Amino acid sequence: MLTHPSAFTMAIGTIGPGLAIGIIGAAALIAMARNPENSSKIQITMIIAIAFAEAIAIYALVVALILKFVS
């Protein structure tokens, strides 16, 4: 049995969003390099996508806090 399930939850719950944010940033930079005149639209879309990916990590934080204080 795990001694700290909340720590395990945060570790697993932040790997996906971290990778997603890196991929989103790399794809946006490539798109801006290929099409500089649309960089403002690309940047806005990138920020929205990063916010959605970061929401997953926040959900993992909420679950970890519930595990820490309830169990």
C-alpha atoms as a PDB file:
ATOM      1  CA  MET A   1       0.000   0.000   0.000  1.00  0.00           C
ATOM      2  CA  LEU A   2       1.176   3.498  -0.744  1.00  0.00           C
ATOM      3  CA  THR A   3       2.104   5.593   2.230  1.00  0.00           C
ATOM      4  CA  HIS A   4       1.365   8.889   0.481  1.00  0.00           C
ATOM      5  CA  PRO A   5      -1.387   8.496  -2.108  1.00  0.00           C
ATOM      6  CA  SER A   6      -1.695  12.261  -2.485  1.00  0.00           C
ATOM      7  CA  ALA A   7       1.953  12.536  -3.536  1.00  0.00           C
ATOM      8  CA  PHE A   8       1.494   9.707  -6.019  1.00  0.00           C
ATOM      9  CA  THR A   9      -1.620  11.413  -7.389  1.00  0.00           C
ATOM     10  CA  MET A  10       0.254  14.668  -7.957  1.00  0.00           C
ATOM     11  CA  ALA A  11       3.205  12.885  -9.533  1.00  0.00           C
ATOM     12  CA  ILE A  12       1.057  11.017 -12.034  1.00  0.00           C
ATOM     13  CA  GLY A  13      -1.401  13.892 -12.501  1.00  0.00           C
ATOM     14  CA  THR A  14       1.240  16.400 -13.540  1.00  0.00           C
ATOM     15  CA  ILE A  15       3.194  14.292 -16.023  1.00  0.00           C
ATOM     16  CA  GLY A  16       0.520  14.518 -18.722  1.00  0.00           C
ATOM     17  CA  PRO A  17      -0.107  18.262 -18.496  1.00  0.00           C
ATOM     18  CA  GLY A  18       3.632  18.937 -18.373  1.00  0.00           C
ATOM     19  CA  LEU A  19       4.205  17.005 -21.573  1.00  0.00           C
ATOM     20  CA  ALA A  20       1.155  18.575 -23.189  1.00  0.00           C
ATOM     21  CA  ILE A  21       2.303  22.120 -22.411  1.00  0.00           C
ATOM     22  CA  GLY A  22       5.725  21.348 -23.883  1.00  0.00           C
ATOM     23  CA  ILE A  23       4.207  19.943 -27.056  1.00  0.00           C
ATOM     24  CA  ILE A  24       1.792  22.874 -27.360  1.00  0.00           C
ATOM     25  CA  GLY A  25       4.616  25.388 -26.947  1.00  0.00           C
ATOM     26  CA  ALA A  26       6.840  23.640 -29.475  1.00  0.00           C
ATOM     27  CA  ALA A  27       4.045  23.388 -32.027  1.00  0.00           C
ATOM     28  CA  ALA A  28       3.154  27.064 -31.570  1.00  0.00           C
ATOM     29  CA  LEU A  29       6.765  28.160 -32.041  1.00  0.00           C
ATOM     30  CA  ILE A  30       7.052  26.082 -35.209  1.00  0.00           C
ATOM     31  CA  ALA A  31       3.791  27.535 -36.504  1.00  0.00           C
ATOM     32  CA  MET A  32       4.929  31.094 -35.716  1.00  0.00           C
ATOM     33  CA  ALA A  33       8.237  30.488 -37.473  1.00  0.00           C
ATOM     34  CA  ARG A  34       6.483  29.221 -40.582  1.00  0.00           C
ATOM     35  CA  ASN A  35       3.783  31.884 -40.638  1.00  0.00           C
ATOM     36  CA  PRO A  36       4.880  35.027 -38.747  1.00  0.00           C
ATOM     37  CA  GLU A  37       1.956  37.194 -39.869  1.00  0.00           C
ATOM     38  CA  ASN A  38      -0.492  34.947 -37.976  1.00  0.00           C
ATOM     39  CA  SER A  39       1.569  34.804 -34.794  1.00  0.00           C
ATOM     40  CA  SER A  40      -0.963  36.760 -32.721  1.00  0.00           C
ATOM     41  CA  LYS A  41      -3.749  34.268 -33.536  1.00  0.00           C
ATOM     42  CA  ILE A  42      -1.403  31.360 -32.886  1.00  0.00           C
ATOM     43  CA  GLN A  43      -0.328  32.837 -29.554  1.00  0.00           C
ATOM     44  CA  ILE A  44      -3.914  33.309 -28.371  1.00  0.00           C
ATOM     45  CA  THR A  45      -4.790  29.741 -29.335  1.00  0.00           C
ATOM     46  CA  MET A  46      -1.653  28.476 -27.600  1.00  0.00           C
ATOM     47  CA  ILE A  47      -2.509  30.274 -24.359  1.00  0.00           C
ATOM     48  CA  ILE A  48      -6.045  28.838 -24.372  1.00  0.00           C
ATOM     49  CA  ALA A  49      -4.722  25.319 -25.005  1.00  0.00           C
ATOM     50  CA  ILE A  50      -2.163  25.682 -22.212  1.00  0.00           C
ATOM     51  CA  ALA A  51      -4.924  26.808 -19.844  1.00  0.00           C
ATOM     52  CA  PHE A  52      -6.963  23.690 -20.660  1.00  0.00           C
ATOM     53  CA  ALA A  53      -3.927  21.457 -20.136  1.00  0.00           C
ATOM     54  CA  GLU A  54      -3.132  23.179 -16.852  1.00  0.00           C
ATOM     55  CA  ALA A  55      -6.700  22.572 -15.670  1.00  0.00           C
ATOM     56  CA  ILE A  56      -5.943  18.840 -15.654  1.00  0.00           C
ATOM     57  CA  ALA A  57      -3.088  19.436 -13.201  1.00  0.00           C
ATOM     58  CA  ILE A  58      -5.398  21.516 -11.018  1.00  0.00           C
ATOM     59  CA  TYR A  59      -7.908  18.648 -10.976  1.00  0.00           C
ATOM     60  CA  ALA A  60      -5.093  16.338  -9.838  1.00  0.00           C
ATOM     61  CA  LEU A  61      -4.250  18.832  -7.077  1.00  0.00           C
ATOM     62  CA  VAL A  62      -7.867  18.847  -5.905  1.00  0.00           C
ATOM     63  CA  VAL A  63      -7.949  15.036  -5.824  1.00  0.00           C
ATOM     64  CA  ALA A  64      -4.637  14.972  -3.926  1.00  0.00           C
ATOM     65  CA  LEU A  65      -5.953  17.422  -1.344  1.00  0.00           C
ATOM     66  CA  ILE A  66      -9.133  15.389  -0.930  1.00  0.00           C
ATOM     67  CA  LEU A  67      -7.039  12.249  -0.414  1.00  0.00           C
ATOM     68  CA  LYS A  68      -4.812  14.023   2.085  1.00  0.00           C
ATOM     69  CA  PHE A  69      -7.538  15.477   4.274  1.00  0.00           C
ATOM     70  CA  VAL A  70     -10.317  12.885   3.972  1.00  0.00           C
ATOM     71  CA  SER A  71      -8.482   9.591   4.270  1.00  0.00           C
END
